[in-house]
Structures are given as C-alpha cells and as structure tokens.
Amino acid sequence: MSNFVLLNPAQHSKLKVITERSQAYGDAVNYVMTFPFEFRNIQSCYPIFFQRDSASDAYYPIALLGFEQNENLFLDNPGWSAPYVPLMIRRQPFLIGYQTDANDPEKRNPMVSIDMDNPRVNENDGEALFLEHGGTSDFLQQATENLELIHQAHDHSTKFMAKLAELELMEAFSMTITLSNGSENQLLGFYALNEEKVQGLSGEVLADLNQQGFLQPLFMVIASQSCVRDLVDRKNKLNTQA
C-alpha cells in the first residue's frame, strides 16, 4: 500500500531516496504508462501499446517491459539495461499532490508528495532531498521537474488518445511469443494501432494530426514495434541463464 504525504522540509529534512533500479524497489513491472512527448526515446527501447482503464473506459499508452506479470526484462541486478528509463519509472517515489489554497478554498495547488512506505525512502542511504543548511537538493529539483513534465503531459496525452479512439485506429490484439526453449508466452489485454487504417488516413486528417502535434507520436508507436524482437531476445537470454 502507498502512503503519500505532502513533502515539506520541516518534517522531512533527513529523508533520502535510493535511486538504483531493482525488484526490491518496485521496478519489477511488465509495463509502465508513457506519454507522447517521450515516444521518441521510448520507441528506441520499448514497444508502445495501449491499455484501457476499466473505470473511466479511457485508453492510455504504455511501454512494454516484459511478457509476464511482474517481469521487467530491463532489470540487471541492480541496474537498468536500456539507455532511456521511462519517466513514470524515474518519478518514483514522488507524485503530484494537491493542497487547498489558503486564500481561495476553491483552488487546489499542485505540490510534491512522497510515498513514505516506498522501500526507496529512508534516512540513511541514497540521495538527500534537502540540503543540510536549508534549500532543496539538485536531486529533488530534478524530481520536481519530472513531476511538472508529467503534469503537463497528461492533457496532451489524453487528447492524443481521444483522437486515436475517434479515428478508430486502435484494436485489441493478442500475441503468442515462441521462445528458443519451445515455451510460449501469450500477450493479452493490450491494444495496438491498426497500421492499415493509419495508412488509409486522408491527407486532410494527417494534416490535422500534424497540426495538433499527434502525427509524430503516431509514427513513433509504429516504429516501436521492432522492439518486440529485443524483448524476445532478452527473454531467451534470461531462460538460458536460468
């Protein structure tokens, strides 16, 4: 369970955050949410697919990290064996929280919150959040900038996904991965772009997508599919080592 609290120097002056990547710190996930603004970096390392939120019925993009639940094929005891780490992985253990404005009860100001139950959070090891004689550390400043990026990216991502849904460019898919040892992994519950429908878009629609900043991320999704082969190779290597 998470235990997010608003971060403040008076109560949390001694807190530190461990930054290494490993299963022990919650990095063993087989997919993570991503955003169109980072697709250029994501597509060079990970396949991009989509998930559907059962509560809101809305779609969101994800970077695929493994074929099985709690399997991250990029963890490397400890470490992360890819040049780009998705922003939603890097933002841990922080999240945007909200505080009611003292001068306007109707207004809620975004604040940095931290998960006190996250195994990265402690008072002995890792990156300090606050400087000994006051002020925030470079690490906390970077974490804050990451949260601001996420905050800004949500609106663009929501509009991007709504446009894909409007144009009916997504479809449910399943994939069976046959590994070198003969075993099979099935990938279920995700959505992918229908490339034939993308290729059939009119010039007018493509121009509209480009004007809204949606065209480049659309093609980054398609380009990312070549990374499935790398995932298979990583899975085969893992099985060989086992």
Protein backbone atom coordinates (compact mmCIF):
# COMPACT_ATOMS: atom_id res chain seq x y z
CA MET A 1 0.00 0.00 0.00
CA SER A 2 1.13 3.55 -0.73
CA ASN A 3 1.31 6.26 1.90
CA PHE A 4 1.67 9.59 0.08
CA VAL A 5 2.15 12.75 2.14
CA LEU A 6 2.93 16.31 1.04
CA LEU A 7 6.66 16.91 1.21
CA ASN A 8 7.94 19.67 3.46
CA PRO A 9 11.44 20.42 4.81
CA ALA A 10 10.34 20.76 8.43
CA GLN A 11 9.15 17.15 8.70
CA HIS A 12 11.30 15.50 6.02
CA SER A 13 14.69 17.22 6.28
CA LYS A 14 16.53 13.92 6.85
CA LEU A 15 14.86 11.89 4.11
CA LYS A 16 16.89 10.22 1.38
CA VAL A 17 15.89 8.25 -1.71
CA ILE A 18 17.72 5.22 -3.10
CA THR A 19 17.98 5.59 -6.88
CA GLU A 20 19.24 2.18 -8.01
CA ARG A 21 16.87 0.02 -10.06
CA SER A 22 15.91 -3.42 -8.82
CA GLN A 23 13.00 -5.71 -7.99
CA ALA A 24 13.42 -4.85 -4.30
CA TYR A 25 12.44 -1.24 -5.02
CA GLY A 26 9.31 -1.97 -7.03
CA ASP A 27 10.76 -1.94 -10.55
CA ALA A 28 9.59 -5.46 -11.43
CA VAL A 29 6.64 -4.42 -13.62
CA ASN A 30 5.92 -5.67 -17.11
CA TYR A 31 4.60 -2.35 -18.44
CA VAL A 32 4.51 1.31 -17.47
CA MET A 33 2.48 4.30 -18.59
CA THR A 34 4.22 6.60 -21.04
CA PHE A 35 3.47 9.91 -22.76
CA PRO A 36 3.59 11.07 -26.40
CA PHE A 37 6.29 13.68 -25.69
CA GLU A 38 8.73 10.88 -24.72
CA PHE A 39 7.77 8.45 -27.52
CA ARG A 40 10.90 9.34 -29.50
CA ASN A 41 13.05 8.00 -26.66
CA ILE A 42 10.69 5.17 -25.74
CA GLN A 43 10.44 3.75 -29.26
CA SER A 44 14.18 3.16 -29.43
CA CYS A 45 14.00 0.78 -26.45
CA TYR A 46 10.45 -0.48 -25.84
CA PRO A 47 7.33 -1.45 -27.82
CA ILE A 48 4.47 1.00 -27.31
CA PHE A 49 0.97 -0.41 -26.89
CA PHE A 50 -2.20 0.80 -25.17
CA GLN A 51 -4.26 -0.15 -22.15
CA ARG A 52 -7.88 0.60 -21.38
CA ASP A 53 -8.91 1.86 -17.95
CA SER A 54 -11.93 -0.20 -16.90
CA ALA A 55 -13.16 2.56 -14.56
CA SER A 56 -13.04 5.51 -16.97
CA ASP A 57 -13.11 3.50 -20.23
CA ALA A 58 -10.27 5.72 -21.45
CA TYR A 59 -7.13 4.50 -23.23
CA TYR A 60 -3.56 5.33 -22.26
CA PRO A 61 -0.19 4.44 -23.84
CA ILE A 62 2.23 2.02 -22.19
CA ALA A 63 5.81 0.89 -22.72
CA LEU A 64 6.05 -2.91 -22.61
CA LEU A 65 8.86 -4.19 -20.36
CA GLY A 66 8.12 -7.92 -20.17
CA PHE A 67 5.73 -10.66 -21.23
CA GLU A 68 4.63 -11.88 -17.80
CA GLN A 69 3.18 -10.13 -14.77
CA ASN A 70 5.92 -8.58 -12.56
CA GLU A 71 8.54 -9.32 -15.23
CA ASN A 72 10.85 -6.47 -16.19
CA LEU A 73 13.38 -7.70 -18.73
CA PHE A 74 15.41 -4.48 -18.37
CA LEU A 75 16.42 -5.02 -14.74
CA ASP A 76 20.05 -6.03 -14.44
CA ASN A 77 20.86 -6.81 -10.78
CA PRO A 78 20.84 -3.94 -9.93
CA GLY A 79 20.52 -1.50 -12.76
CA TRP A 80 18.53 -0.77 -15.89
CA SER A 81 19.91 -2.14 -19.15
CA ALA A 82 18.49 0.43 -21.57
CA PRO A 83 19.69 3.95 -22.36
CA TYR A 84 16.32 5.53 -21.55
CA VAL A 85 14.30 4.90 -18.38
CA PRO A 86 10.58 5.80 -18.74
CA LEU A 87 9.55 8.92 -16.86
CA MET A 88 6.93 7.11 -14.78
CA ILE A 89 9.66 4.79 -13.50
CA ARG A 90 12.02 7.67 -12.76
CA ARG A 91 9.41 9.67 -10.85
CA GLN A 92 9.21 7.07 -8.03
CA PRO A 93 8.65 7.57 -5.08
CA PHE A 94 7.18 11.01 -5.83
CA LEU A 95 3.77 12.04 -7.08
CA ILE A 96 1.87 15.28 -7.56
CA GLY A 97 -0.32 16.01 -4.57
CA TYR A 98 -2.72 18.91 -4.07
CA GLN A 99 -3.22 21.42 -1.24
CA THR A 100 -6.17 23.79 -0.84
CA ASP A 101 -5.17 27.41 -1.36
CA ALA A 102 -5.43 29.36 1.91
CA ASN A 103 -6.77 32.41 0.04
CA ASP A 104 -9.13 30.55 -2.26
CA PRO A 105 -10.86 27.39 -0.94
CA GLU A 106 -11.96 26.55 -4.48
CA LYS A 107 -8.35 26.40 -5.73
CA ARG A 108 -6.03 23.44 -5.27
CA ASN A 109 -2.31 23.99 -5.74
CA PRO A 110 -0.09 21.15 -7.06
CA MET A 111 2.57 20.06 -4.56
CA VAL A 112 5.26 17.39 -4.41
CA SER A 113 4.20 14.37 -2.37
CA ILE A 114 6.27 11.34 -1.39
CA ASP A 115 5.32 7.74 -0.65
CA MET A 116 6.64 7.18 2.88
CA ASP A 117 6.08 3.41 2.56
CA ASN A 118 8.16 3.11 -0.61
CA PRO A 119 11.27 0.97 0.06
CA ARG A 120 13.45 3.65 -1.56
CA VAL A 121 12.59 6.16 1.18
CA ASN A 122 14.82 6.17 4.28
CA GLU A 123 17.15 8.38 6.33
CA ASN A 124 20.46 6.57 5.76
CA ASP A 125 21.15 5.74 2.11
CA GLY A 126 20.64 7.43 -1.23
CA GLU A 127 20.13 10.98 -2.46
CA ALA A 128 19.25 13.66 0.11
CA LEU A 129 16.12 15.72 -0.57
CA PHE A 130 17.14 18.80 1.38
CA LEU A 131 20.48 20.47 1.97
CA GLU A 132 21.97 20.47 5.46
CA HIS A 133 21.71 24.25 5.86
CA GLY A 134 18.43 24.69 4.02
CA GLY A 135 17.16 24.54 0.46
CA THR A 136 16.36 21.67 -1.87
CA SER A 137 18.95 19.32 -3.35
CA ASP A 138 19.65 19.01 -7.07
CA PHE A 139 18.05 15.57 -6.87
CA LEU A 140 14.77 16.92 -5.50
CA GLN A 141 14.83 19.75 -8.03
CA GLN A 142 15.12 17.22 -10.87
CA ALA A 143 12.34 15.10 -9.35
CA THR A 144 10.13 18.19 -9.17
CA GLU A 145 10.84 18.99 -12.82
CA ASN A 146 9.89 15.41 -13.75
CA LEU A 147 6.57 15.78 -11.93
CA GLU A 148 5.91 19.05 -13.74
CA LEU A 149 6.58 17.30 -17.06
CA ILE A 150 4.10 14.56 -16.15
CA HIS A 151 1.52 17.14 -15.06
CA GLN A 152 1.85 18.99 -18.36
CA ALA A 153 1.95 15.80 -20.46
CA HIS A 154 -1.34 14.36 -19.18
CA ASP A 155 -3.57 16.79 -21.08
CA HIS A 156 -1.75 16.29 -24.39
CA SER A 157 -1.75 12.51 -23.90
CA THR A 158 -5.48 12.45 -23.12
CA LYS A 159 -6.24 14.41 -26.29
CA PHE A 160 -3.92 12.20 -28.35
CA MET A 161 -5.64 9.03 -27.15
CA ALA A 162 -9.10 10.52 -27.67
CA LYS A 163 -8.15 11.32 -31.28
CA LEU A 164 -6.93 7.77 -31.90
CA ALA A 165 -10.20 6.44 -30.50
CA GLU A 166 -12.24 8.90 -32.59
CA LEU A 167 -10.45 7.72 -35.75
CA GLU A 168 -10.87 4.07 -34.64
CA LEU A 169 -7.16 3.42 -35.11
CA MET A 170 -6.79 1.04 -32.14
CA GLU A 171 -7.72 -2.59 -31.90
CA ALA A 172 -7.46 -5.31 -29.28
CA PHE A 173 -4.75 -7.81 -30.05
CA SER A 174 -3.12 -10.94 -28.73
CA MET A 175 0.39 -12.16 -29.41
CA THR A 176 1.94 -15.57 -28.87
CA ILE A 177 5.68 -15.47 -28.31
CA THR A 178 7.52 -18.73 -29.01
CA LEU A 179 10.86 -18.83 -27.20
CA SER A 180 14.03 -20.69 -28.12
CA ASN A 181 13.35 -23.39 -25.49
CA GLY A 182 9.98 -24.15 -27.08
CA SER A 183 7.88 -22.47 -24.38
CA GLU A 184 5.25 -19.90 -25.26
CA ASN A 185 4.20 -16.58 -23.72
CA GLN A 186 0.84 -15.04 -24.57
CA LEU A 187 0.41 -11.29 -24.54
CA LEU A 188 -3.22 -10.42 -23.81
CA GLY A 189 -5.25 -7.42 -22.69
CA PHE A 190 -3.48 -4.75 -24.73
CA TYR A 191 -4.43 -2.64 -27.74
CA ALA A 192 -2.31 -1.81 -30.78
CA LEU A 193 -2.54 0.53 -33.75
CA ASN A 194 -4.20 -0.85 -36.84
CA GLU A 195 -1.48 0.05 -39.35
CA GLU A 196 -3.75 -0.48 -42.38
CA LYS A 197 -6.15 2.16 -41.04
CA VAL A 198 -3.25 4.52 -40.35
CA GLN A 199 -2.00 4.07 -43.93
CA GLY A 200 -5.50 4.78 -45.21
CA LEU A 201 -5.84 8.17 -43.49
CA SER A 202 -6.54 11.05 -45.86
CA GLY A 203 -4.18 13.96 -46.36
CA GLU A 204 -6.65 16.22 -44.59
CA VAL A 205 -6.71 14.00 -41.49
CA LEU A 206 -2.92 13.65 -41.49
CA ALA A 207 -2.59 17.45 -41.71
CA ASP A 208 -4.96 17.83 -38.76
CA LEU A 209 -2.99 15.28 -36.73
CA ASN A 210 0.22 17.11 -37.53
CA GLN A 211 -1.24 20.48 -36.53
CA GLN A 212 -2.25 19.08 -33.12
CA GLY A 213 1.17 17.52 -32.53
CA PHE A 214 -0.17 13.97 -32.89
CA LEU A 215 1.42 12.83 -36.14
CA GLN A 216 4.98 12.25 -34.94
CA PRO A 217 3.95 10.23 -31.85
CA LEU A 218 1.62 8.20 -34.05
CA PHE A 219 4.51 7.09 -36.24
CA MET A 220 6.74 6.58 -33.18
CA VAL A 221 4.22 3.98 -31.98
CA ILE A 222 4.51 2.13 -35.28
CA ALA A 223 8.32 2.33 -35.24
CA SER A 224 8.43 0.94 -31.71
CA GLN A 225 7.04 -2.43 -32.77
CA SER A 226 10.50 -3.53 -33.90
CA CYS A 227 11.50 -3.59 -30.21
CA VAL A 228 9.37 -6.70 -29.63
CA ARG A 229 12.28 -8.69 -31.12
CA ASP A 230 14.64 -7.29 -28.49
CA LEU A 231 12.21 -8.29 -25.73
CA VAL A 232 12.14 -11.83 -27.11
CA ASP A 233 15.95 -11.92 -27.18
CA ARG A 234 16.10 -10.71 -23.57
CA LYS A 235 13.58 -13.37 -22.52
CA ASN A 236 15.55 -16.09 -24.31
CA LYS A 237 18.76 -14.93 -22.61
CA LEU A 238 17.03 -14.97 -19.22
CA ASN A 239 15.79 -18.52 -19.79
CA THR A 240 19.28 -19.65 -20.85
CA GLN A 241 20.81 -18.18 -17.69
CA ALA A 242 18.13 -19.83 -15.55
